[in-house]
N, C-alpha and C. Protein backbone atom coordinates (compact mmCIF):
# COMPACT_ATOMS: atom_id res chain seq x y z
N MET A 1 107.72 79.72 63.44
CA MET A 1 107.70 78.40 62.86
C MET A 1 108.06 77.36 63.93
N VAL A 2 107.37 76.26 63.92
CA VAL A 2 107.58 75.19 64.89
C VAL A 2 108.76 74.33 64.44
N SER A 3 109.67 74.07 65.37
CA SER A 3 110.83 73.23 65.04
C SER A 3 110.38 71.79 64.87
N LYS A 4 111.20 71.02 64.17
CA LYS A 4 110.89 69.60 63.96
C LYS A 4 110.82 68.88 65.30
N ARG A 5 111.73 69.21 66.20
CA ARG A 5 111.72 68.57 67.52
C ARG A 5 110.42 68.87 68.26
N SER A 6 109.97 70.13 68.22
CA SER A 6 108.72 70.49 68.88
C SER A 6 107.54 69.75 68.25
N ALA A 7 107.55 69.65 66.93
CA ALA A 7 106.48 68.92 66.24
C ALA A 7 106.52 67.44 66.60
N ASP A 8 107.72 66.87 66.68
CA ASP A 8 107.87 65.46 67.08
C ASP A 8 107.35 65.26 68.50
N GLN A 9 107.73 66.15 69.40
CA GLN A 9 107.28 66.05 70.80
C GLN A 9 105.76 66.13 70.88
N ALA A 10 105.18 67.07 70.18
CA ALA A 10 103.72 67.24 70.21
C ALA A 10 103.02 65.99 69.68
N ARG A 11 103.55 65.42 68.60
CA ARG A 11 102.95 64.22 68.02
C ARG A 11 103.04 63.04 68.99
N VAL A 12 104.21 62.86 69.60
CA VAL A 12 104.39 61.77 70.56
C VAL A 12 103.48 61.97 71.77
N ILE A 13 103.39 63.18 72.27
CA ILE A 13 102.53 63.46 73.43
C ILE A 13 101.06 63.18 73.09
N ALA A 14 100.62 63.57 71.90
CA ALA A 14 99.23 63.32 71.50
C ALA A 14 98.93 61.82 71.44
N VAL A 15 99.82 61.06 70.83
CA VAL A 15 99.62 59.61 70.74
C VAL A 15 99.72 58.97 72.11
N ALA A 16 100.70 59.39 72.90
CA ALA A 16 100.88 58.83 74.24
C ALA A 16 99.68 59.13 75.13
N THR A 17 99.09 60.30 74.97
CA THR A 17 97.89 60.65 75.74
C THR A 17 96.79 59.63 75.49
N ALA A 18 96.57 59.29 74.23
CA ALA A 18 95.55 58.30 73.89
C ALA A 18 95.90 56.93 74.48
N HIS A 19 97.16 56.53 74.36
CA HIS A 19 97.57 55.22 74.88
C HIS A 19 97.44 55.16 76.40
N PHE A 20 97.92 56.18 77.10
CA PHE A 20 97.83 56.18 78.56
C PHE A 20 96.38 56.23 79.03
N SER A 21 95.55 57.00 78.35
CA SER A 21 94.15 57.10 78.79
C SER A 21 93.38 55.83 78.47
N ASP A 22 93.71 55.15 77.38
CA ASP A 22 93.03 53.91 77.03
C ASP A 22 93.49 52.72 77.86
N LYS A 23 94.80 52.65 78.12
CA LYS A 23 95.38 51.45 78.72
C LYS A 23 95.90 51.63 80.13
N GLY A 24 96.09 52.87 80.55
CA GLY A 24 96.72 53.13 81.84
C GLY A 24 98.23 53.14 81.69
N PHE A 25 98.89 53.66 82.71
CA PHE A 25 100.35 53.79 82.65
C PHE A 25 101.04 52.44 82.48
N ALA A 26 100.68 51.48 83.30
CA ALA A 26 101.38 50.19 83.31
C ALA A 26 101.23 49.43 82.00
N ALA A 27 100.06 49.48 81.39
CA ALA A 27 99.81 48.69 80.18
C ALA A 27 100.21 49.40 78.89
N ALA A 28 100.38 50.71 78.94
CA ALA A 28 100.81 51.44 77.73
C ALA A 28 102.22 51.00 77.39
N ARG A 29 102.46 50.73 76.12
CA ARG A 29 103.76 50.22 75.70
C ARG A 29 104.48 51.25 74.82
N MET A 30 105.72 51.48 75.16
CA MET A 30 106.52 52.46 74.44
C MET A 30 106.70 52.05 72.98
N ASP A 31 106.84 50.76 72.69
CA ASP A 31 107.01 50.34 71.30
C ASP A 31 105.75 50.62 70.48
N GLU A 32 104.58 50.50 71.08
CA GLU A 32 103.34 50.82 70.37
C GLU A 32 103.23 52.32 70.12
N ILE A 33 103.62 53.11 71.10
CA ILE A 33 103.61 54.57 70.93
C ILE A 33 104.58 54.97 69.84
N ALA A 34 105.76 54.38 69.85
CA ALA A 34 106.76 54.67 68.82
C ALA A 34 106.24 54.30 67.43
N ALA A 35 105.65 53.13 67.31
CA ALA A 35 105.13 52.70 66.01
C ALA A 35 104.02 53.63 65.52
N ALA A 36 103.15 54.04 66.42
CA ALA A 36 102.04 54.92 66.05
C ALA A 36 102.50 56.32 65.66
N THR A 37 103.68 56.71 66.11
CA THR A 37 104.20 58.04 65.77
C THR A 37 105.26 57.99 64.68
N ALA A 38 105.51 56.79 64.16
CA ALA A 38 106.51 56.60 63.10
C ALA A 38 107.88 57.12 63.53
N THR A 39 108.22 56.84 64.78
CA THR A 39 109.54 57.20 65.29
C THR A 39 110.08 56.00 66.06
N SER A 40 111.27 56.12 66.57
CA SER A 40 111.87 55.00 67.30
C SER A 40 111.69 55.17 68.80
N LYS A 41 111.68 54.04 69.50
CA LYS A 41 111.65 54.10 70.97
C LYS A 41 112.87 54.86 71.47
N ARG A 42 113.97 54.64 70.81
CA ARG A 42 115.22 55.29 71.23
C ARG A 42 115.06 56.82 71.22
N LYS A 43 114.42 57.33 70.17
CA LYS A 43 114.22 58.78 70.07
C LYS A 43 113.28 59.27 71.17
N ILE A 44 112.23 58.50 71.46
CA ILE A 44 111.30 58.89 72.52
C ILE A 44 112.02 58.91 73.86
N TYR A 45 112.85 57.89 74.11
CA TYR A 45 113.62 57.87 75.36
C TYR A 45 114.61 59.04 75.42
N TYR A 46 115.18 59.38 74.27
CA TYR A 46 116.12 60.51 74.23
C TYR A 46 115.41 61.82 74.58
N ILE A 47 114.24 62.02 74.00
CA ILE A 47 113.50 63.27 74.21
C ILE A 47 112.91 63.36 75.62
N PHE A 48 112.31 62.27 76.10
CA PHE A 48 111.55 62.31 77.35
C PHE A 48 112.25 61.63 78.52
N GLY A 49 113.32 60.91 78.26
CA GLY A 49 114.06 60.25 79.33
C GLY A 49 113.48 58.92 79.79
N GLY A 50 112.39 58.51 79.23
CA GLY A 50 111.77 57.23 79.60
C GLY A 50 110.26 57.35 79.66
N LYS A 51 109.63 56.26 80.03
CA LYS A 51 108.18 56.20 80.09
C LYS A 51 107.62 57.18 81.13
N GLU A 52 108.29 57.27 82.28
CA GLU A 52 107.84 58.19 83.32
C GLU A 52 107.91 59.64 82.85
N GLY A 53 108.98 59.98 82.14
CA GLY A 53 109.12 61.33 81.61
C GLY A 53 108.06 61.65 80.58
N LEU A 54 107.75 60.67 79.74
CA LEU A 54 106.70 60.85 78.75
C LEU A 54 105.35 61.03 79.45
N TYR A 55 105.10 60.25 80.47
CA TYR A 55 103.85 60.36 81.22
C TYR A 55 103.74 61.74 81.88
N ARG A 56 104.85 62.22 82.45
CA ARG A 56 104.86 63.57 83.04
C ARG A 56 104.54 64.62 81.97
N ALA A 57 105.10 64.45 80.78
CA ALA A 57 104.84 65.40 79.69
C ALA A 57 103.37 65.37 79.30
N VAL A 58 102.78 64.18 79.27
CA VAL A 58 101.35 64.04 78.95
C VAL A 58 100.51 64.76 80.01
N LEU A 59 100.82 64.53 81.28
CA LEU A 59 100.07 65.18 82.36
C LEU A 59 100.25 66.69 82.35
N THR A 60 101.47 67.15 82.08
CA THR A 60 101.74 68.58 82.00
C THR A 60 100.93 69.22 80.89
N GLU A 61 100.89 68.58 79.73
CA GLU A 61 100.12 69.11 78.60
C GLU A 61 98.62 69.11 78.93
N ALA A 62 98.15 68.07 79.58
CA ALA A 62 96.73 68.01 79.97
C ALA A 62 96.41 69.14 80.94
N TYR A 63 97.29 69.38 81.91
CA TYR A 63 97.04 70.45 82.87
C TYR A 63 97.08 71.82 82.18
N ARG A 64 97.98 71.99 81.22
CA ARG A 64 98.00 73.26 80.48
C ARG A 64 96.66 73.52 79.81
N GLY A 65 96.08 72.48 79.24
CA GLY A 65 94.77 72.62 78.61
C GLY A 65 93.70 72.99 79.61
N ILE A 66 93.73 72.34 80.76
CA ILE A 66 92.76 72.64 81.82
C ILE A 66 92.93 74.08 82.30
N ARG A 67 94.16 74.46 82.55
CA ARG A 67 94.45 75.82 83.04
C ARG A 67 94.04 76.87 82.02
N SER A 68 94.30 76.60 80.76
CA SER A 68 93.91 77.53 79.71
C SER A 68 92.39 77.70 79.67
N ALA A 69 91.66 76.60 79.82
CA ALA A 69 90.19 76.66 79.84
C ALA A 69 89.70 77.44 81.07
N GLU A 70 90.36 77.24 82.21
CA GLU A 70 90.00 77.99 83.42
C GLU A 70 90.17 79.49 83.20
N LEU A 71 91.28 79.86 82.59
CA LEU A 71 91.54 81.29 82.36
C LEU A 71 90.54 81.87 81.38
N ARG A 72 90.22 81.14 80.31
CA ARG A 72 89.24 81.63 79.34
C ARG A 72 87.86 81.78 79.98
N ALA A 73 87.53 80.92 80.93
CA ALA A 73 86.23 80.96 81.59
C ALA A 73 86.20 81.94 82.76
N GLY A 74 87.33 82.54 83.09
CA GLY A 74 87.39 83.50 84.18
C GLY A 74 87.28 82.85 85.55
N LEU A 75 87.80 81.65 85.69
CA LEU A 75 87.68 80.92 86.96
C LEU A 75 88.88 81.09 87.88
N GLU A 76 89.85 81.88 87.49
CA GLU A 76 91.09 81.96 88.28
C GLU A 76 90.89 82.57 89.66
N ASP A 77 89.81 83.32 89.88
CA ASP A 77 89.59 83.95 91.18
C ASP A 77 88.73 83.12 92.13
N LEU A 78 88.25 81.97 91.68
CA LEU A 78 87.45 81.12 92.56
C LEU A 78 88.35 80.41 93.57
N PRO A 79 87.87 80.23 94.80
CA PRO A 79 88.69 79.50 95.78
C PRO A 79 88.75 78.02 95.39
N PRO A 80 89.81 77.34 95.76
CA PRO A 80 89.91 75.91 95.44
C PRO A 80 88.91 75.10 96.25
N LEU A 81 88.48 73.97 95.68
CA LEU A 81 87.59 73.06 96.41
C LEU A 81 88.39 72.25 97.41
N PRO A 82 87.80 71.92 98.55
CA PRO A 82 88.49 71.04 99.50
C PRO A 82 88.73 69.67 98.86
N LEU A 83 89.85 69.08 99.16
CA LEU A 83 90.25 67.81 98.55
C LEU A 83 89.21 66.71 98.67
N PRO A 84 88.54 66.50 99.81
CA PRO A 84 87.57 65.40 99.88
C PRO A 84 86.47 65.51 98.83
N HIS A 85 86.04 66.73 98.53
CA HIS A 85 85.00 66.92 97.53
C HIS A 85 85.52 66.61 96.13
N LEU A 86 86.76 66.94 95.86
CA LEU A 86 87.34 66.62 94.57
C LEU A 86 87.47 65.12 94.40
N ALA A 87 87.95 64.45 95.43
CA ALA A 87 88.17 63.00 95.35
C ALA A 87 86.87 62.24 95.21
N LEU A 88 85.82 62.69 95.88
CA LEU A 88 84.55 61.98 95.85
C LEU A 88 83.61 62.48 94.76
N GLY A 89 83.93 63.61 94.16
CA GLY A 89 83.07 64.17 93.13
C GLY A 89 81.76 64.71 93.69
N THR A 90 81.76 65.09 94.96
CA THR A 90 80.55 65.61 95.58
C THR A 90 80.53 67.13 95.50
N PRO A 91 79.34 67.70 95.45
CA PRO A 91 79.28 69.17 95.40
C PRO A 91 79.79 69.78 96.70
N CYS A 92 80.32 70.95 96.57
CA CYS A 92 80.87 71.64 97.74
C CYS A 92 80.22 73.01 97.81
N LEU A 93 79.49 73.24 98.87
CA LEU A 93 78.88 74.54 99.08
C LEU A 93 79.67 75.30 100.12
N PRO A 94 79.79 76.61 99.97
CA PRO A 94 80.54 77.39 100.96
C PRO A 94 79.90 77.26 102.33
N ASP A 95 80.73 77.29 103.36
CA ASP A 95 80.22 77.27 104.73
C ASP A 95 79.44 78.54 104.98
N ASP A 96 78.32 78.41 105.63
CA ASP A 96 77.52 79.58 105.98
C ASP A 96 77.75 79.88 107.45
N ASP A 97 78.64 80.82 107.71
CA ASP A 97 79.00 81.19 109.08
C ASP A 97 78.04 82.23 109.67
N SER A 98 77.02 82.62 108.91
CA SER A 98 76.13 83.67 109.38
C SER A 98 75.08 83.16 110.37
N LYS A 99 74.99 81.85 110.59
CA LYS A 99 73.98 81.29 111.50
C LYS A 99 74.39 81.44 112.93
């Protein structure tokens, strides 16, 4: 059974995810997140330690989802892409050293 605190955290993270993705970190407002979750800002600060802590929790949850999808797809054995390709969104082909 899920504890009330865990359910509260999950609800706040879900709402905060939408707010951060729609507005960005700077424009997302804790009072709006609190109102949308029917909880107090004080409780959110108590649970997450502040806006930065809530943002970290949102990113952690997002990465868990990504990692879970990677594992389900069997991608854990693929080598990582070089950073420039990730940043630019360009395809990355393995080097062909056989030439």
